[in-house]
Amino acid sequence: MHPLEHRQIKLNTGRLTHLCLADSELYVDATFDEHKAVQALIHDPDNYPVLLYPGKDARDLSKGELRAADFSGRRLVVFLLDATWRLVRPMLRYSRSLQQLPKIMFSNAAPSRYVIKRQPEAGCLSTLEATHELLLALDRSGLDDYSMPEQLISHFMRMQEFQVKCAEENRRPDFIPRNPPGSRLDVQKERTSAGSSRRRIFPTVASS
């Protein structure tokens, strides 16, 4: 997950996907070249790490272009990039580690079910939807057992219903915000936001 996605978007589909899948890990960084946990997964001889990213050099799972014999009993570890479409490409472009991973993809996926967010073009999916299609393709190829395919999509739709409900309540004429403009808490919030902006302009270096 890109750091901006982690800091600013709390109800993102990458976080929800991680909560739904027991055998998953969520890591935050911009390139992951120095990320110890990610590097350990990539260089573990018992793993076969791949990156889910479409392209001419990617193996299409939907066409059976990846088989169990290709990784000879090693554990298949799939990396997915979670960020806005504007940030995903730079994540890959500036990461030597991710660029060197074999790429996989799927085809003929269902259209996006995202109703509260517009996708930049046809065929684009959220992280959760991409994970769902990935697991379907792995199951059809005999590389994994996706026994509850309705689970992820069900949680995805419930998350959207919750956000739509919150948006509708905020538009009600009798809705009273917790910190009305000009209130003491509102002024304090503005001061805090201004301080946060300065910290973003002059960030401190911290290890992840």
Protein backbone atom coordinates (compact mmCIF):
# COMPACT_ATOMS: atom_id res chain seq x y z
CA MET A 1 0.00 0.00 0.00
CA HIS A 2 1.27 3.46 -0.90
CA PRO A 3 1.83 5.71 2.17
CA LEU A 4 -0.65 8.31 0.92
CA GLU A 5 -3.33 5.64 0.58
CA HIS A 6 -2.59 4.45 4.10
CA ARG A 7 -2.68 7.93 5.67
CA GLN A 8 -5.53 9.61 3.87
CA ILE A 9 -8.01 6.90 2.84
CA LYS A 10 -9.20 4.88 5.83
CA LEU A 11 -12.02 2.96 4.12
CA ASN A 12 -10.01 1.70 1.16
CA THR A 13 -10.51 -1.67 -0.47
CA GLY A 14 -6.90 -2.77 0.13
CA ARG A 15 -7.41 -2.60 3.89
CA LEU A 16 -10.76 -4.42 3.61
CA THR A 17 -9.20 -7.13 1.44
CA HIS A 18 -6.48 -7.74 4.02
CA LEU A 19 -9.08 -8.05 6.80
CA CYS A 20 -10.99 -10.65 4.76
CA LEU A 21 -8.01 -12.88 3.89
CA ALA A 22 -6.30 -14.74 6.72
CA ASP A 23 -3.15 -15.58 4.75
CA SER A 24 -2.34 -12.01 3.76
CA GLU A 25 -0.05 -9.21 4.87
CA LEU A 26 -0.39 -5.46 4.48
CA TYR A 27 2.83 -3.46 4.03
CA VAL A 28 3.19 0.27 3.53
CA ASP A 29 5.99 1.86 1.49
CA ALA A 30 6.63 3.72 -1.76
CA THR A 31 9.12 1.34 -3.42
CA PHE A 32 9.73 -1.54 -0.95
CA ASP A 33 13.37 -1.85 -2.01
CA GLU A 34 14.45 -1.39 1.60
CA HIS A 35 11.39 -2.96 3.23
CA LYS A 36 12.68 -5.86 5.34
CA ALA A 37 9.50 -7.96 5.42
CA VAL A 38 8.88 -7.63 1.68
CA GLN A 39 12.52 -8.38 0.85
CA ALA A 40 12.37 -11.46 3.09
CA LEU A 41 9.34 -12.77 1.16
CA ILE A 42 11.00 -12.11 -2.19
CA HIS A 43 14.29 -13.79 -1.31
CA ASP A 44 12.89 -16.76 0.64
CA PRO A 45 13.91 -19.84 -1.45
CA ASP A 46 10.68 -21.58 -0.42
CA ASN A 47 8.59 -18.84 -2.08
CA TYR A 48 7.73 -18.14 -5.70
CA PRO A 49 6.95 -14.39 -5.66
CA VAL A 50 4.98 -12.80 -8.49
CA LEU A 51 3.38 -9.40 -9.10
CA LEU A 52 -0.20 -8.96 -10.24
CA TYR A 53 0.21 -6.39 -13.00
CA PRO A 54 -1.13 -6.58 -16.57
CA GLY A 55 1.14 -6.27 -19.59
CA LYS A 56 2.63 -8.05 -22.57
CA ASP A 57 5.16 -9.86 -20.37
CA ALA A 58 2.56 -11.04 -17.84
CA ARG A 59 1.33 -14.64 -17.71
CA ASP A 60 -2.44 -14.79 -18.10
CA LEU A 61 -3.94 -17.02 -15.41
CA SER A 62 -7.24 -17.13 -17.29
CA LYS A 63 -5.45 -18.84 -20.19
CA GLY A 64 -3.56 -21.33 -18.00
CA GLU A 65 -0.18 -19.69 -18.60
CA LEU A 66 0.94 -20.37 -15.01
CA ARG A 67 1.06 -23.95 -13.71
CA ALA A 68 2.08 -25.56 -10.45
CA ALA A 69 5.06 -27.11 -12.21
CA ASP A 70 6.41 -23.60 -12.87
CA PHE A 71 7.26 -23.12 -9.21
CA SER A 72 8.04 -26.73 -8.28
CA GLY A 73 6.33 -27.02 -4.93
CA ARG A 74 7.31 -23.57 -3.70
CA ARG A 75 4.68 -21.35 -2.12
CA LEU A 76 3.08 -18.92 -4.55
CA VAL A 77 3.29 -15.39 -3.11
CA VAL A 78 1.33 -12.74 -5.01
CA PHE A 79 2.04 -9.03 -4.53
CA LEU A 80 -0.70 -6.51 -5.29
CA LEU A 81 -0.16 -2.75 -5.45
CA ASP A 82 -2.75 -0.76 -3.53
CA ALA A 83 -2.95 2.94 -4.41
CA THR A 84 -4.80 5.35 -6.65
CA TRP A 85 -4.22 4.79 -10.36
CA ARG A 86 -2.09 7.93 -10.40
CA LEU A 87 0.29 6.41 -7.83
CA VAL A 88 0.40 2.75 -8.90
CA ARG A 89 2.58 3.30 -11.96
CA PRO A 90 5.27 5.29 -10.06
CA MET A 91 5.31 2.58 -7.36
CA LEU A 92 6.39 0.06 -9.97
CA ARG A 93 8.57 2.45 -11.97
CA TYR A 94 10.77 3.38 -9.00
CA SER A 95 10.97 -0.08 -7.41
CA ARG A 96 13.79 -2.29 -8.64
CA SER A 97 12.51 -5.19 -6.54
CA LEU A 98 8.97 -5.13 -7.95
CA GLN A 99 10.16 -4.66 -11.53
CA GLN A 100 12.20 -7.87 -11.33
CA LEU A 101 9.28 -10.02 -10.20
CA PRO A 102 7.53 -12.26 -12.75
CA LYS A 103 4.15 -10.72 -13.62
CA ILE A 104 0.76 -12.40 -13.72
CA MET A 105 -2.64 -11.16 -14.85
CA PHE A 106 -6.18 -12.34 -15.57
CA SER A 107 -8.53 -11.58 -18.44
CA ASN A 108 -12.29 -11.45 -19.09
CA ALA A 109 -12.96 -10.09 -15.61
CA ALA A 110 -16.37 -8.82 -14.53
CA PRO A 111 -16.86 -5.03 -14.82
CA SER A 112 -16.12 -3.00 -11.72
CA ARG A 113 -18.86 -2.93 -9.08
CA TYR A 114 -17.57 0.36 -7.67
CA VAL A 115 -20.60 2.68 -7.48
CA ILE A 116 -19.18 5.40 -5.20
CA LYS A 117 -15.94 5.91 -7.11
CA ARG A 118 -15.45 6.36 -10.82
CA GLN A 119 -12.79 4.18 -12.44
CA PRO A 120 -10.48 5.98 -14.90
CA GLU A 121 -11.28 3.60 -17.77
CA ALA A 122 -13.12 0.39 -18.60
CA GLY A 123 -11.45 -2.70 -17.18
CA CYS A 124 -10.03 -0.95 -14.13
CA LEU A 125 -10.84 -2.64 -10.83
CA SER A 126 -10.43 -1.82 -7.17
CA THR A 127 -7.85 -3.76 -5.16
CA LEU A 128 -10.59 -5.91 -3.64
CA GLU A 129 -12.16 -6.70 -7.01
CA ALA A 130 -8.74 -7.49 -8.50
CA THR A 131 -8.08 -9.87 -5.60
CA HIS A 132 -11.44 -11.54 -6.17
CA GLU A 133 -10.73 -12.05 -9.88
CA LEU A 134 -7.21 -13.27 -9.05
CA LEU A 135 -8.54 -15.89 -6.64
CA LEU A 136 -11.15 -17.01 -9.17
CA ALA A 137 -8.43 -17.46 -11.80
CA LEU A 138 -6.15 -19.32 -9.37
CA ASP A 139 -9.03 -21.62 -8.41
CA ARG A 140 -9.87 -22.39 -12.05
CA SER A 141 -6.20 -23.15 -12.72
CA GLY A 142 -6.03 -25.52 -9.75
CA LEU A 143 -3.45 -23.32 -8.00
CA ASP A 144 -5.65 -22.35 -5.04
CA ASP A 145 -8.99 -23.17 -3.42
CA TYR A 146 -11.39 -20.21 -3.48
CA SER A 147 -14.29 -21.83 -1.64
CA MET A 148 -16.17 -18.63 -0.64
CA PRO A 149 -16.13 -16.37 -3.73
CA GLU A 150 -19.14 -14.38 -2.52
CA GLN A 151 -17.43 -13.20 0.68
CA LEU A 152 -15.18 -10.46 -0.68
CA ILE A 153 -17.78 -8.97 -3.01
CA SER A 154 -20.44 -9.06 -0.27
CA HIS A 155 -18.23 -7.07 2.11
CA PHE A 156 -17.32 -4.71 -0.72
CA MET A 157 -20.96 -3.91 -1.46
CA ARG A 158 -21.77 -3.48 2.25
CA MET A 159 -18.87 -1.03 2.60
CA GLN A 160 -20.26 1.02 -0.27
CA GLU A 161 -23.79 0.92 1.16
CA PHE A 162 -22.43 2.25 4.47
CA GLN A 163 -20.61 5.12 2.74
CA VAL A 164 -23.68 6.01 0.66
CA LYS A 165 -25.82 6.03 3.81
CA CYS A 166 -23.35 8.34 5.59
CA ALA A 167 -23.30 10.70 2.60
CA GLU A 168 -27.11 10.83 2.52
CA GLU A 169 -27.29 11.57 6.27
CA ASN A 170 -24.81 14.42 5.86
CA ARG A 171 -27.06 15.99 3.23
CA ARG A 172 -30.13 15.98 5.50
CA PRO A 173 -31.40 19.52 6.35
CA ASP A 174 -31.56 18.64 10.06
CA PHE A 175 -27.98 17.33 10.17
CA ILE A 176 -25.81 19.17 12.69
CA PRO A 177 -22.03 18.74 12.28
CA ARG A 178 -20.07 17.84 15.39
CA ASN A 179 -17.84 20.92 15.01
CA PRO A 180 -19.96 23.77 13.57
CA PRO A 181 -17.97 26.48 11.74
CA GLY A 182 -16.63 29.07 14.16
CA SER A 183 -16.91 26.82 17.21
CA ARG A 184 -14.00 26.40 19.60
CA LEU A 185 -13.37 22.85 18.35
CA ASP A 186 -13.55 24.03 14.74
CA VAL A 187 -10.93 26.74 15.37
CA GLN A 188 -8.72 24.26 17.18
CA LYS A 189 -9.10 21.83 14.26
CA GLU A 190 -8.00 24.54 11.79
CA ARG A 191 -4.90 25.25 13.85
CA THR A 192 -4.10 21.55 14.01
CA SER A 193 -4.60 21.21 10.25
CA ALA A 194 -2.27 24.12 9.63
CA GLY A 195 0.39 22.48 11.77
CA SER A 196 -0.12 19.22 9.90
CA SER A 197 0.37 21.03 6.60
CA ARG A 198 3.68 22.41 7.76
CA ARG A 199 4.76 18.97 8.84
CA ARG A 200 3.92 17.60 5.41
CA ILE A 201 5.94 20.33 3.73
CA PHE A 202 8.93 19.68 5.97
CA PRO A 203 8.61 15.95 6.78
CA THR A 204 10.82 14.22 9.30
CA VAL A 205 12.64 11.10 8.16
CA ALA A 206 11.37 7.98 9.89
CA SER A 207 12.03 4.31 9.29
CA SER A 208 9.06 2.20 8.28
